[in-house]
Amino acid sequence: MNLITPGADILEAEVTHISKHGFWLLLAEKELFLPFSEFPWFKEAAVSAILNVEWLQPHHLYWPDLDVDLEVDAIEHPERYPLVAQSGISQS
């Protein structure tokens, strides 16, 4: 009896630690740090929202409670992605 569907890979991401400076995310054998200064969407988020992360594809992460999509490359190389979100929409 074969319980595993051929070709069906399961990607699991795990938040391993949260501090006042950011959080650590484990992707397979790689642990990445997301500082709140670079990823401000998470700074005021509930812990449960940060923990609820989906690793949809090898290069794509999604936090459904926060509606935040990130490429793994943007976490590994934030200098390549200089734009950061502003903490609100200004009305002119």
PDB file of N, CA and C in Angstrom:
ATOM      1  N   MET A   1       0.849  -1.180   0.000  1.00  0.00           N
ATOM      2  CA  MET A   1       0.000   0.000   0.000  1.00  0.00           C
ATOM      3  C   MET A   1       0.889   1.235   0.000  1.00  0.00           C
ATOM      4  N   ASN A   2       0.644   2.161  -0.920  1.00  0.00           N
ATOM      5  CA  ASN A   2       1.428   3.384  -1.045  1.00  0.00           C
ATOM      6  C   ASN A   2       0.566   4.564  -0.613  1.00  0.00           C
ATOM      7  N   LEU A   3       0.976   5.233   0.459  1.00  0.00           N
ATOM      8  CA  LEU A   3       0.190   6.343   0.991  1.00  0.00           C
ATOM      9  C   LEU A   3       0.623   7.702   0.460  1.00  0.00           C
ATOM     10  N   ILE A   4       1.743   7.741  -0.250  1.00  0.00           N
ATOM     11  CA  ILE A   4       2.259   9.011  -0.757  1.00  0.00           C
ATOM     12  C   ILE A   4       1.973   9.108  -2.246  1.00  0.00           C
ATOM     13  N   THR A   5       1.380  10.211  -2.658  1.00  0.00           N
ATOM     14  CA  THR A   5       1.115  10.443  -4.064  1.00  0.00           C
ATOM     15  C   THR A   5       2.414  10.835  -4.752  1.00  0.00           C
ATOM     16  N   PRO A   6       2.798  10.143  -5.820  1.00  0.00           N
ATOM     17  CA  PRO A   6       4.031  10.505  -6.515  1.00  0.00           C
ATOM     18  C   PRO A   6       3.996  11.958  -6.991  1.00  0.00           C
ATOM     19  N   GLY A   7       5.074  12.670  -6.756  1.00  0.00           N
ATOM     20  CA  GLY A   7       5.177  14.051  -7.204  1.00  0.00           C
ATOM     21  C   GLY A   7       4.562  15.067  -6.270  1.00  0.00           C
ATOM     22  N   ALA A   8       3.949  14.637  -5.183  1.00  0.00           N
ATOM     23  CA  ALA A   8       3.313  15.576  -4.255  1.00  0.00           C
ATOM     24  C   ALA A   8       4.288  15.914  -3.130  1.00  0.00           C
ATOM     25  N   ASP A   9       4.927  17.058  -3.227  1.00  0.00           N
ATOM     26  CA  ASP A   9       5.848  17.512  -2.193  1.00  0.00           C
ATOM     27  C   ASP A   9       5.114  18.433  -1.237  1.00  0.00           C
ATOM     28  N   ILE A  10       5.458  18.334   0.028  1.00  0.00           N
ATOM     29  CA  ILE A  10       4.875  19.213   1.033  1.00  0.00           C
ATOM     30  C   ILE A  10       5.960  20.157   1.515  1.00  0.00           C
ATOM     31  N   LEU A  11       5.725  21.450   1.351  1.00  0.00           N
ATOM     32  CA  LEU A  11       6.660  22.461   1.817  1.00  0.00           C
ATOM     33  C   LEU A  11       6.141  23.005   3.136  1.00  0.00           C
ATOM     34  N   GLU A  12       6.974  22.949   4.160  1.00  0.00           N
ATOM     35  CA  GLU A  12       6.568  23.461   5.461  1.00  0.00           C
ATOM     36  C   GLU A  12       7.532  24.538   5.918  1.00  0.00           C
ATOM     37  N   ALA A  13       6.981  25.656   6.311  1.00  0.00           N
ATOM     38  CA  ALA A  13       7.751  26.752   6.892  1.00  0.00           C
ATOM     39  C   ALA A  13       7.388  26.825   8.365  1.00  0.00           C
ATOM     40  N   GLU A  14       8.372  27.160   9.194  1.00  0.00           N
ATOM     41  CA  GLU A  14       8.119  27.251  10.630  1.00  0.00           C
ATOM     42  C   GLU A  14       8.798  28.490  11.200  1.00  0.00           C
ATOM     43  N   VAL A  15       8.041  29.292  11.923  1.00  0.00           N
ATOM     44  CA  VAL A  15       8.617  30.412  12.665  1.00  0.00           C
ATOM     45  C   VAL A  15       9.187  29.814  13.944  1.00  0.00           C
ATOM     46  N   THR A  16      10.511  29.967  14.122  1.00  0.00           N
ATOM     47  CA  THR A  16      11.168  29.321  15.258  1.00  0.00           C
ATOM     48  C   THR A  16      11.379  30.242  16.450  1.00  0.00           C
ATOM     49  N   HIS A  17      11.372  31.550  16.221  1.00  0.00           N
ATOM     50  CA  HIS A  17      11.608  32.494  17.318  1.00  0.00           C
ATOM     51  C   HIS A  17      11.134  33.879  16.889  1.00  0.00           C
ATOM     52  N   ILE A  18      10.550  34.616  17.813  1.00  0.00           N
ATOM     53  CA  ILE A  18      10.146  36.003  17.575  1.00  0.00           C
ATOM     54  C   ILE A  18      10.771  36.851  18.673  1.00  0.00           C
ATOM     55  N   SER A  19      11.421  37.946  18.273  1.00  0.00           N
ATOM     56  CA  SER A  19      12.003  38.880  19.242  1.00  0.00           C
ATOM     57  C   SER A  19      11.471  40.276  18.953  1.00  0.00           C
ATOM     58  N   LYS A  20      11.916  41.251  19.717  1.00  0.00           N
ATOM     59  CA  LYS A  20      11.475  42.626  19.470  1.00  0.00           C
ATOM     60  C   LYS A  20      12.093  43.197  18.194  1.00  0.00           C
ATOM     61  N   HIS A  21      13.078  42.508  17.626  1.00  0.00           N
ATOM     62  CA  HIS A  21      13.758  42.979  16.422  1.00  0.00           C
ATOM     63  C   HIS A  21      13.261  42.313  15.141  1.00  0.00           C
ATOM     64  N   GLY A  22      12.614  41.158  15.261  1.00  0.00           N
ATOM     65  CA  GLY A  22      12.157  40.432  14.088  1.00  0.00           C
ATOM     66  C   GLY A  22      11.874  38.987  14.435  1.00  0.00           C
ATOM     67  N   PHE A  23      11.864  38.131  13.409  1.00  0.00           N
ATOM     68  CA  PHE A  23      11.615  36.709  13.669  1.00  0.00           C
ATOM     69  C   PHE A  23      12.423  35.832  12.725  1.00  0.00           C
ATOM     70  N   TRP A  24      12.621  34.590  13.168  1.00  0.00           N
ATOM     71  CA  TRP A  24      13.378  33.607  12.416  1.00  0.00           C
ATOM     72  C   TRP A  24      12.407  32.626  11.785  1.00  0.00           C
ATOM     73  N   LEU A  25      12.669  32.314  10.519  1.00  0.00           N
ATOM     74  CA  LEU A  25      11.804  31.444   9.740  1.00  0.00           C
ATOM     75  C   LEU A  25      12.630  30.278   9.213  1.00  0.00           C
ATOM     76  N   LEU A  26      12.201  29.058   9.504  1.00  0.00           N
ATOM     77  CA  LEU A  26      12.890  27.858   9.047  1.00  0.00           C
ATOM     78  C   LEU A  26      12.218  27.342   7.784  1.00  0.00           C
ATOM     79  N   LEU A  27      13.012  27.270   6.712  1.00  0.00           N
ATOM     80  CA  LEU A  27      12.557  26.726   5.428  1.00  0.00           C
ATOM     81  C   LEU A  27      13.458  25.543   5.099  1.00  0.00           C
ATOM     82  N   ALA A  28      12.948  24.344   5.266  1.00  0.00           N
ATOM     83  CA  ALA A  28      13.737  23.120   5.070  1.00  0.00           C
ATOM     84  C   ALA A  28      14.971  23.181   5.965  1.00  0.00           C
ATOM     85  N   GLU A  29      16.146  23.231   5.386  1.00  0.00           N
ATOM     86  CA  GLU A  29      17.398  23.249   6.152  1.00  0.00           C
ATOM     87  C   GLU A  29      17.936  24.659   6.355  1.00  0.00           C
ATOM     88  N   LYS A  30      17.197  25.669   5.936  1.00  0.00           N
ATOM     89  CA  LYS A  30      17.673  27.052   5.958  1.00  0.00           C
ATOM     90  C   LYS A  30      16.856  27.876   6.944  1.00  0.00           C
ATOM     91  N   GLU A  31      17.549  28.641   7.807  1.00  0.00           N
ATOM     92  CA  GLU A  31      16.846  29.533   8.725  1.00  0.00           C
ATOM     93  C   GLU A  31      17.145  30.972   8.323  1.00  0.00           C
ATOM     94  N   LEU A  32      16.088  31.754   8.154  1.00  0.00           N
ATOM     95  CA  LEU A  32      16.206  33.143   7.714  1.00  0.00           C
ATOM     96  C   LEU A  32      15.685  34.074   8.796  1.00  0.00           C
ATOM     97  N   PHE A  33      16.303  35.258   8.915  1.00  0.00           N
ATOM     98  CA  PHE A  33      15.846  36.264   9.871  1.00  0.00           C
ATOM     99  C   PHE A  33      15.134  37.369   9.109  1.00  0.00           C
ATOM    100  N   LEU A  34      13.952  37.736   9.570  1.00  0.00           N
ATOM    101  CA  LEU A  34      13.187  38.835   8.990  1.00  0.00           C
ATOM    102  C   LEU A  34      13.125  39.963  10.010  1.00  0.00           C
ATOM    103  N   PRO A  35      13.993  40.971   9.870  1.00  0.00           N
ATOM    104  CA  PRO A  35      13.951  42.096  10.813  1.00  0.00           C
ATOM    105  C   PRO A  35      12.734  42.971  10.535  1.00  0.00           C
ATOM    106  N   PHE A  36      12.120  43.457  11.598  1.00  0.00           N
ATOM    107  CA  PHE A  36      10.954  44.320  11.438  1.00  0.00           C
ATOM    108  C   PHE A  36      11.308  45.610  10.700  1.00  0.00           C
ATOM    109  N   SER A  37      12.555  46.044  10.781  1.00  0.00           N
ATOM    110  CA  SER A  37      12.970  47.259  10.071  1.00  0.00           C
ATOM    111  C   SER A  37      12.902  47.074   8.555  1.00  0.00           C
ATOM    112  N   GLU A  38      13.119  45.853   8.080  1.00  0.00           N
ATOM    113  CA  GLU A  38      13.062  45.555   6.643  1.00  0.00           C
ATOM    114  C   GLU A  38      11.683  45.052   6.209  1.00  0.00           C
ATOM    115  N   PHE A  39      10.952  44.468   7.142  1.00  0.00           N
ATOM    116  CA  PHE A  39       9.648  43.866   6.848  1.00  0.00           C
ATOM    117  C   PHE A  39       8.622  44.405   7.845  1.00  0.00           C
ATOM    118  N   PRO A  40       8.239  45.680   7.699  1.00  0.00           N
ATOM    119  CA  PRO A  40       7.411  46.364   8.703  1.00  0.00           C
ATOM    120  C   PRO A  40       5.989  45.820   8.834  1.00  0.00           C
ATOM    121  N   TRP A  41       5.531  45.037   7.887  1.00  0.00           N
ATOM    122  CA  TRP A  41       4.170  44.488   7.935  1.00  0.00           C
ATOM    123  C   TRP A  41       3.965  43.601   9.158  1.00  0.00           C
ATOM    124  N   PHE A  42       5.055  43.055   9.680  1.00  0.00           N
ATOM    125  CA  PHE A  42       4.964  42.098  10.783  1.00  0.00           C
ATOM    126  C   PHE A  42       5.123  42.733  12.162  1.00  0.00           C
ATOM    127  N   LYS A  43       5.602  43.968  12.224  1.00  0.00           N
ATOM    128  CA  LYS A  43       5.974  44.572  13.511  1.00  0.00           C
ATOM    129  C   LYS A  43       4.828  44.621  14.517  1.00  0.00           C
ATOM    130  N   GLU A  44       3.651  45.013  14.108  1.00  0.00           N
ATOM    131  CA  GLU A  44       2.506  45.130  15.019  1.00  0.00           C
ATOM    132  C   GLU A  44       1.539  43.950  14.892  1.00  0.00           C
ATOM    133  N   ALA A  45       1.935  42.937  14.144  1.00  0.00           N
ATOM    134  CA  ALA A  45       1.050  41.789  13.909  1.00  0.00           C
ATOM    135  C   ALA A  45       0.961  40.896  15.142  1.00  0.00           C
ATOM    136  N   ALA A  46      -0.165  40.235  15.279  1.00  0.00           N
ATOM    137  CA  ALA A  46      -0.334  39.249  16.347  1.00  0.00           C
ATOM    138  C   ALA A  46       0.609  38.073  16.096  1.00  0.00           C
ATOM    139  N   VAL A  47       1.069  37.476  17.167  1.00  0.00           N
ATOM    140  CA  VAL A  47       1.956  36.318  17.051  1.00  0.00           C
ATOM    141  C   VAL A  47       1.294  35.230  16.207  1.00  0.00           C
ATOM    142  N   SER A  48       0.022  34.994  16.418  1.00  0.00           N
ATOM    143  CA  SER A  48      -0.683  33.954  15.658  1.00  0.00           C
ATOM    144  C   SER A  48      -0.667  34.241  14.158  1.00  0.00           C
ATOM    145  N   ALA A  49      -0.711  35.513  13.774  1.00  0.00           N
ATOM    146  CA  ALA A  49      -0.676  35.880  12.355  1.00  0.00           C
ATOM    147  C   ALA A  49       0.708  35.642  11.759  1.00  0.00           C
ATOM    148  N   ILE A  50       1.757  35.905  12.538  1.00  0.00           N
ATOM    149  CA  ILE A  50       3.123  35.650  12.063  1.00  0.00           C
ATOM    150  C   ILE A  50       3.359  34.148  11.934  1.00  0.00           C
ATOM    151  N   LEU A  51       2.854  33.383  12.877  1.00  0.00           N
ATOM    152  CA  LEU A  51       3.038  31.930  12.855  1.00  0.00           C
ATOM    153  C   LEU A  51       2.279  31.260  11.714  1.00  0.00           C
ATOM    154  N   ASN A  52       1.226  31.889  11.232  1.00  0.00           N
ATOM    155  CA  ASN A  52       0.405  31.315  10.164  1.00  0.00           C
ATOM    156  C   ASN A  52       1.004  31.656   8.801  1.00  0.00           C
ATOM    157  N   VAL A  53       2.047  30.923   8.436  1.00  0.00           N
ATOM    158  CA  VAL A  53       2.739  31.156   7.169  1.00  0.00           C
ATOM    159  C   VAL A  53       2.584  29.925   6.287  1.00  0.00           C
ATOM    160  N   GLU A  54       2.389  30.170   5.005  1.00  0.00           N
ATOM    161  CA  GLU A  54       2.264  29.095   4.021  1.00  0.00           C
ATOM    162  C   GLU A  54       3.419  29.197   3.037  1.00  0.00           C
ATOM    163  N   TRP A  55       4.096  28.091   2.817  1.00  0.00           N
ATOM    164  CA  TRP A  55       5.196  28.018   1.852  1.00  0.00           C
ATOM    165  C   TRP A  55       4.619  27.374   0.603  1.00  0.00           C
ATOM    166  N   LEU A  56       4.112  28.197  -0.289  1.00  0.00           N
ATOM    167  CA  LEU A  56       3.335  27.720  -1.429  1.00  0.00           C
ATOM    168  C   LEU A  56       4.182  27.091  -2.522  1.00  0.00           C
ATOM    169  N   GLN A  57       5.344  27.674  -2.762  1.00  0.00           N
ATOM    170  CA  GLN A  57       6.288  27.191  -3.766  1.00  0.00           C
ATOM    171  C   GLN A  57       7.682  27.408  -3.195  1.00  0.00           C
ATOM    172  N   PRO A  58       8.709  26.780  -3.746  1.00  0.00           N
ATOM    173  CA  PRO A  58      10.054  26.947  -3.186  1.00  0.00           C
ATOM    174  C   PRO A  58      10.506  28.405  -3.076  1.00  0.00           C
ATOM    175  N   HIS A  59       9.937  29.279  -3.875  1.00  0.00           N
ATOM    176  CA  HIS A  59      10.362  30.685  -3.876  1.00  0.00           C
ATOM    177  C   HIS A  59       9.301  31.643  -3.313  1.00  0.00           C
ATOM    178  N   HIS A  60       8.182  31.132  -2.814  1.00  0.00           N
ATOM    179  CA  HIS A  60       7.051  31.997  -2.464  1.00  0.00           C
ATOM    180  C   HIS A  60       6.459  31.655  -1.101  1.00  0.00           C
ATOM    181  N   LEU A  61       6.326  32.684  -0.243  1.00  0.00           N
ATOM    182  CA  LEU A  61       5.714  32.548   1.079  1.00  0.00           C
ATOM    183  C   LEU A  61       4.490  33.451   1.165  1.00  0.00           C
ATOM    184  N   TYR A  62       3.509  33.024   1.955  1.00  0.00           N
ATOM    185  CA  TYR A  62       2.285  33.805   2.102  1.00  0.00           C
ATOM    186  C   TYR A  62       1.796  33.737   3.545  1.00  0.00           C
ATOM    187  N   TRP A  63       1.473  34.899   4.112  1.00  0.00           N
ATOM    188  CA  TRP A  63       0.865  35.022   5.434  1.00  0.00           C
ATOM    189  C   TRP A  63      -0.591  35.434   5.220  1.00  0.00           C
ATOM    190  N   PRO A  64      -1.536  34.484   5.198  1.00  0.00           N
ATOM    191  CA  PRO A  64      -2.929  34.799   4.861  1.00  0.00           C
ATOM    192  C   PRO A  64      -3.605  35.763   5.830  1.00  0.00           C
ATOM    193  N   ASP A  65      -3.286  35.697   7.110  1.00  0.00           N
ATOM    194  CA  ASP A  65      -3.925  36.596   8.077  1.00  0.00           C
ATOM    195  C   ASP A  65      -3.510  38.047   7.873  1.00  0.00           C
ATOM    196  N   LEU A  66      -2.344  38.250   7.253  1.00  0.00           N
ATOM    197  CA  LEU A  66      -1.818  39.599   7.022  1.00  0.00           C
ATOM    198  C   LEU A  66      -1.890  40.005   5.554  1.00  0.00           C
ATOM    199  N   ASP A  67      -2.262  39.071   4.685  1.00  0.00           N
ATOM    200  CA  ASP A  67      -2.266  39.269   3.237  1.00  0.00           C
ATOM    201  C   ASP A  67      -0.904  39.766   2.755  1.00  0.00           C
ATOM    202  N   VAL A  68       0.152  39.089   3.207  1.00  0.00           N
ATOM    203  CA  VAL A  68       1.527  39.430   2.835  1.00  0.00           C
ATOM    204  C   VAL A  68       2.106  38.281   2.019  1.00  0.00           C
ATOM    205  N   ASP A  69       2.588  38.612   0.822  1.00  0.00           N
ATOM    206  CA  ASP A  69       3.297  37.674  -0.052  1.00  0.00           C
ATOM    207  C   ASP A  69       4.750  38.107  -0.108  1.00  0.00           C
ATOM    208  N   LEU A  70       5.671  37.170   0.040  1.00  0.00           N
ATOM    209  CA  LEU A  70       7.095  37.488  -0.078  1.00  0.00           C
ATOM    210  C   LEU A  70       7.805  36.416  -0.885  1.00  0.00           C
ATOM    211  N   GLU A  71       8.734  36.860  -1.697  1.00  0.00           N
ATOM    212  CA  GLU A  71       9.640  35.950  -2.371  1.00  0.00           C
ATOM    213  C   GLU A  71      10.759  35.608  -1.394  1.00  0.00           C
ATOM    214  N   VAL A  72      11.211  34.369  -1.390  1.00  0.00           N
ATOM    215  CA  VAL A  72      12.313  33.967  -0.517  1.00  0.00           C
ATOM    216  C   VAL A  72      13.548  34.809  -0.823  1.00  0.00           C
ATOM    217  N   ASP A  73      13.769  35.132  -2.084  1.00  0.00           N
ATOM    218  CA  ASP A  73      14.922  35.950  -2.471  1.00  0.00           C
ATOM    219  C   ASP A  73      14.886  37.331  -1.811  1.00  0.00           C
ATOM    220  N   ALA A  74      13.704  37.882  -1.600  1.00  0.00           N
ATOM    221  CA  ALA A  74      13.582  39.192  -0.946  1.00  0.00           C
ATOM    222  C   ALA A  74      13.990  39.118   0.520  1.00  0.00           C
ATOM    223  N   ILE A  75      13.827  37.959   1.131  1.00  0.00           N
ATOM    224  CA  ILE A  75      14.261  37.773   2.520  1.00  0.00           C
ATOM    225  C   ILE A  75      15.770  37.554   2.566  1.00  0.00           C
ATOM    226  N   GLU A  76      16.269  36.757   1.639  1.00  0.00           N
ATOM    227  CA  GLU A  76      17.703  36.456   1.602  1.00  0.00           C
ATOM    228  C   GLU A  76      18.534  37.656   1.168  1.00  0.00           C
ATOM    229  N   HIS A  77      17.976  38.496   0.298  1.00  0.00           N
ATOM    230  CA  HIS A  77      18.710  39.641  -0.259  1.00  0.00           C
ATOM    231  C   HIS A  77      17.835  40.895  -0.253  1.00  0.00           C
ATOM    232  N   PRO A  78      17.511  41.436   0.920  1.00  0.00           N
ATOM    233  CA  PRO A  78      16.618  42.603   0.965  1.00  0.00           C
ATOM    234  C   PRO A  78      17.192  43.831   0.256  1.00  0.00           C
ATOM    235  N   GLU A  79      18.510  43.888   0.099  1.00  0.00           N
ATOM    236  CA  GLU A  79      19.119  45.026  -0.601  1.00  0.00           C
ATOM    237  C   GLU A  79      18.708  45.077  -2.071  1.00  0.00           C
ATOM    238  N   ARG A  80      18.277  43.975  -2.627  1.00  0.00           N
ATOM    239  CA  ARG A  80      17.807  43.937  -4.020  1.00  0.00           C
ATOM    240  C   ARG A  80      16.377  44.456  -4.155  1.00  0.00           C
ATOM    241  N   TYR A  81      15.703  44.626  -3.025  1.00  0.00           N
ATOM    242  CA  TYR A  81      14.304  45.053  -2.997  1.00  0.00           C
ATOM    243  C   TYR A  81      14.192  46.264  -2.078  1.00  0.00           C
ATOM    244  N   PRO A  82      14.589  47.448  -2.558  1.00  0.00           N
ATOM    245  CA  PRO A  82      14.711  48.616  -1.676  1.00  0.00           C
ATOM    246  C   PRO A  82      13.397  49.216  -1.192  1.00  0.00           C
ATOM    247  N   LEU A  83      12.291  48.867  -1.789  1.00  0.00           N
ATOM    248  CA  LEU A  83      11.027  49.469  -1.378  1.00  0.00           C
ATOM    249  C   LEU A  83      10.474  48.756  -0.159  1.00  0.00           C
ATOM    250  N   VAL A  84      10.063  49.530   0.828  1.00  0.00           N
ATOM    251  CA  VAL A  84       9.385  48.974   1.995  1.00  0.00           C
ATOM    252  C   VAL A  84       8.023  49.632   2.096  1.00  0.00           C
ATOM    253  N   ALA A  85       7.088  48.917   2.631  1.00  0.00           N
ATOM    254  CA  ALA A  85       5.730  49.450   2.746  1.00  0.00           C
ATOM    255  C   ALA A  85       5.682  50.575   3.758  1.00  0.00           C
ATOM    256  N   GLN A  86       4.811  51.518   3.506  1.00  0.00           N
ATOM    257  CA  GLN A  86       4.580  52.581   4.468  1.00  0.00           C
ATOM    258  C   GLN A  86       3.488  52.121   5.417  1.00  0.00           C
ATOM    259  N   SER A  87       3.490  52.652   6.615  1.00  0.00           N
ATOM    260  CA  SER A  87       2.568  52.169   7.636  1.00  0.00           C
ATOM    261  C   SER A  87       1.174  52.774   7.522  1.00  0.00           C
ATOM    262  N   GLY A  88       0.826  53.274   6.397  1.00  0.00           N
ATOM    263  CA  GLY A  88      -0.513  53.810   6.200  1.00  0.00           C
ATOM    264  C   GLY A  88      -0.608  54.471   4.843  1.00  0.00           C
ATOM    265  N   ILE A  89      -1.808  54.767   4.438  1.00  0.00           N
ATOM    266  CA  ILE A  89      -2.025  55.435   3.158  1.00  0.00           C
ATOM    267  C   ILE A  89      -2.320  56.888   3.446  1.00  0.00           C
ATOM    268  N   SER A  90      -1.522  57.753   2.853  1.00  0.00           N
ATOM    269  CA  SER A  90      -1.747  59.182   3.094  1.00  0.00           C
ATOM    270  C   SER A  90      -2.769  59.712   2.099  1.00  0.00           C
ATOM    271  N   GLN A  91      -3.598  60.569   2.571  1.00  0.00           N
ATOM    272  CA  GLN A  91      -4.598  61.220   1.731  1.00  0.00           C
ATOM    273  C   GLN A  91      -4.079  62.605   1.373  1.00  0.00           C
ATOM    274  N   SER A  92      -3.973  62.915   0.077  1.00  0.00           N
ATOM    275  CA  SER A  92      -3.521  64.255  -0.305  1.00  0.00           C
ATOM    276  C   SER A  92      -4.663  65.129  -0.719  1.00  0.00           C
TER     277      SER A  92
END
